[in-house]
Amino acid sequence: MSKLLYTIMWDREPLTVDAFSEEFDVALHEIDRDFGVVEIDPQAHLYAVMIEEAAVNRLSGKQATEDKGVSGPYDNPVIEPFGPPRLPKKGDDSSLV
């Protein structure tokens, strides 16, 4: 099953996977543990989390989306190079390639 990216406004203690699971009734196995909970804007207390589609359906069925600052889903495209890496030219001392 695919995972979807959501953001959460959380102005309490730092948001953890366990706190997200408990507060939003999302099972730990439905949260992408490799992605975790990522603080993306410390001043706005904004976090990102990737969760299974089934959990999203339960989450959006609650008033959590409005009352608890949950928004999404957002695109999370795979980032890949456009072509093979370029090696520096002979005599080029720049670190940019």
C-alpha atoms as a PDB file:
ATOM      1  CA  MET A   1       0.000   0.000   0.000  1.00  0.00           C
ATOM      2  CA  SER A   2       1.253   3.476  -0.780  1.00  0.00           C
ATOM      3  CA  LYS A   3       2.133   6.130   1.747  1.00  0.00           C
ATOM      4  CA  LEU A   4       0.986   9.738   1.627  1.00  0.00           C
ATOM      5  CA  LEU A   5       2.701  12.877   2.898  1.00  0.00           C
ATOM      6  CA  TYR A   6       0.883  15.082   5.422  1.00  0.00           C
ATOM      7  CA  THR A   7       1.883  18.086   7.517  1.00  0.00           C
ATOM      8  CA  ILE A   8       0.938  18.745  11.129  1.00  0.00           C
ATOM      9  CA  MET A   9       1.010  21.997  13.092  1.00  0.00           C
ATOM     10  CA  TRP A  10       2.207  20.942  16.554  1.00  0.00           C
ATOM     11  CA  ASP A  11       3.013  23.630  19.126  1.00  0.00           C
ATOM     12  CA  ARG A  12       3.610  21.338  22.083  1.00  0.00           C
ATOM     13  CA  GLU A  13       6.749  19.327  22.849  1.00  0.00           C
ATOM     14  CA  PRO A  14       8.656  18.084  19.763  1.00  0.00           C
ATOM     15  CA  LEU A  15       6.458  15.718  17.761  1.00  0.00           C
ATOM     16  CA  THR A  16       7.655  12.116  17.699  1.00  0.00           C
ATOM     17  CA  VAL A  17       6.396   9.045  15.871  1.00  0.00           C
ATOM     18  CA  ASP A  18       4.941   7.721  19.143  1.00  0.00           C
ATOM     19  CA  ALA A  19       3.206  11.026  19.964  1.00  0.00           C
ATOM     20  CA  PHE A  20       1.763  11.243  16.438  1.00  0.00           C
ATOM     21  CA  SER A  21       0.523   7.654  16.656  1.00  0.00           C
ATOM     22  CA  GLU A  22      -1.173   8.267  19.993  1.00  0.00           C
ATOM     23  CA  GLU A  23      -2.656  11.696  19.234  1.00  0.00           C
ATOM     24  CA  PHE A  24      -4.045  10.805  15.806  1.00  0.00           C
ATOM     25  CA  ASP A  25      -4.911   7.144  16.405  1.00  0.00           C
ATOM     26  CA  VAL A  26      -2.541   5.888  13.712  1.00  0.00           C
ATOM     27  CA  ALA A  27      -0.886   2.526  14.341  1.00  0.00           C
ATOM     28  CA  LEU A  28       2.918   2.547  14.434  1.00  0.00           C
ATOM     29  CA  HIS A  29       3.105   0.108  11.505  1.00  0.00           C
ATOM     30  CA  GLU A  30       1.088   2.602   9.391  1.00  0.00           C
ATOM     31  CA  ILE A  31       3.740   5.312   9.804  1.00  0.00           C
ATOM     32  CA  ASP A  32       6.795   5.289   7.553  1.00  0.00           C
ATOM     33  CA  ARG A  33       9.475   4.675  10.180  1.00  0.00           C
ATOM     34  CA  ASP A  34      12.312   5.430   7.726  1.00  0.00           C
ATOM     35  CA  PHE A  35      10.810   8.862   7.021  1.00  0.00           C
ATOM     36  CA  GLY A  36       9.765   9.399  10.649  1.00  0.00           C
ATOM     37  CA  VAL A  37       8.361  12.736  11.748  1.00  0.00           C
ATOM     38  CA  VAL A  38      10.347  15.591  10.218  1.00  0.00           C
ATOM     39  CA  GLU A  39      10.314  19.147  11.557  1.00  0.00           C
ATOM     40  CA  ILE A  40      10.134  21.235   8.379  1.00  0.00           C
ATOM     41  CA  ASP A  41       9.520  24.701   9.872  1.00  0.00           C
ATOM     42  CA  PRO A  42      10.572  25.210  13.507  1.00  0.00           C
ATOM     43  CA  GLN A  43       9.100  28.741  13.770  1.00  0.00           C
ATOM     44  CA  ALA A  44       5.688  27.552  12.545  1.00  0.00           C
ATOM     45  CA  HIS A  45       5.920  24.265  14.528  1.00  0.00           C
ATOM     46  CA  LEU A  46       5.271  22.399  11.267  1.00  0.00           C
ATOM     47  CA  TYR A  47       6.080  18.714  10.894  1.00  0.00           C
ATOM     48  CA  ALA A  48       5.779  16.214   8.030  1.00  0.00           C
ATOM     49  CA  VAL A  49       4.867  12.540   8.254  1.00  0.00           C
ATOM     50  CA  MET A  50       4.258   9.735   5.728  1.00  0.00           C
ATOM     51  CA  ILE A  51       1.387   7.394   6.540  1.00  0.00           C
ATOM     52  CA  GLU A  52      -0.436   4.499   4.878  1.00  0.00           C
ATOM     53  CA  GLU A  53      -3.527   5.303   2.822  1.00  0.00           C
ATOM     54  CA  ALA A  54      -5.776   3.304   5.164  1.00  0.00           C
ATOM     55  CA  ALA A  55      -4.695   5.476   8.087  1.00  0.00           C
ATOM     56  CA  VAL A  56      -5.392   8.620   6.081  1.00  0.00           C
ATOM     57  CA  ASN A  57      -8.970   7.540   5.556  1.00  0.00           C
ATOM     58  CA  ARG A  58      -9.449   7.179   9.321  1.00  0.00           C
ATOM     59  CA  LEU A  59      -7.605  10.421  10.005  1.00  0.00           C
ATOM     60  CA  SER A  60      -9.612  12.506   7.557  1.00  0.00           C
ATOM     61  CA  GLY A  61     -12.824  11.027   8.897  1.00  0.00           C
ATOM     62  CA  LYS A  62     -12.092  12.873  12.153  1.00  0.00           C
ATOM     63  CA  GLN A  63     -12.129  16.584  12.725  1.00  0.00           C
ATOM     64  CA  ALA A  64      -8.372  16.256  13.098  1.00  0.00           C
ATOM     65  CA  THR A  65      -7.705  17.845   9.763  1.00  0.00           C
ATOM     66  CA  GLU A  66      -9.135  21.190  10.870  1.00  0.00           C
ATOM     67  CA  ASP A  67      -8.956  21.091  14.653  1.00  0.00           C
ATOM     68  CA  LYS A  68      -5.481  19.613  14.967  1.00  0.00           C
ATOM     69  CA  GLY A  69      -3.668  21.318  12.097  1.00  0.00           C
ATOM     70  CA  VAL A  70      -3.353  18.334   9.766  1.00  0.00           C
ATOM     71  CA  SER A  71      -3.178  19.084   6.040  1.00  0.00           C
ATOM     72  CA  GLY A  72      -2.400  17.156   2.894  1.00  0.00           C
ATOM     73  CA  PRO A  73      -1.820  14.925   1.115  1.00  0.00           C
ATOM     74  CA  TYR A  74       1.130  16.503  -0.650  1.00  0.00           C
ATOM     75  CA  ASP A  75       3.167  15.253  -3.593  1.00  0.00           C
ATOM     76  CA  ASN A  76       6.327  13.411  -2.701  1.00  0.00           C
ATOM     77  CA  PRO A  77       7.978  12.698  -6.053  1.00  0.00           C
ATOM     78  CA  VAL A  78      11.052  10.564  -6.371  1.00  0.00           C
ATOM     79  CA  ILE A  79      14.070  12.788  -6.993  1.00  0.00           C
ATOM     80  CA  GLU A  80      16.452  11.357  -9.538  1.00  0.00           C
ATOM     81  CA  PRO A  81      19.339  12.762 -11.568  1.00  0.00           C
ATOM     82  CA  PHE A  82      18.597  14.004 -15.091  1.00  0.00           C
ATOM     83  CA  GLY A  83      21.561  12.177 -16.538  1.00  0.00           C
ATOM     84  CA  PRO A  84      24.952  10.705 -15.709  1.00  0.00           C
ATOM     85  CA  PRO A  85      27.180  12.704 -13.361  1.00  0.00           C
ATOM     86  CA  ARG A  86      29.700  14.982 -15.060  1.00  0.00           C
ATOM     87  CA  LEU A  87      33.326  14.750 -14.077  1.00  0.00           C
ATOM     88  CA  PRO A  88      35.330  17.971 -13.695  1.00  0.00           C
ATOM     89  CA  LYS A  89      37.367  19.001 -16.742  1.00  0.00           C
ATOM     90  CA  LYS A  90      41.127  18.690 -16.523  1.00  0.00           C
ATOM     91  CA  GLY A  91      42.567  21.726 -14.745  1.00  0.00           C
ATOM     92  CA  ASP A  92      39.179  22.790 -13.366  1.00  0.00           C
ATOM     93  CA  ASP A  93      39.606  23.377  -9.638  1.00  0.00           C
ATOM     94  CA  SER A  94      35.971  24.256  -8.950  1.00  0.00           C
ATOM     95  CA  SER A  95      34.000  21.935  -6.737  1.00  0.00           C
ATOM     96  CA  LEU A  96      30.892  22.351  -8.868  1.00  0.00           C
ATOM     97  CA  VAL A  97      30.280  19.623 -11.423  1.00  0.00           C
END
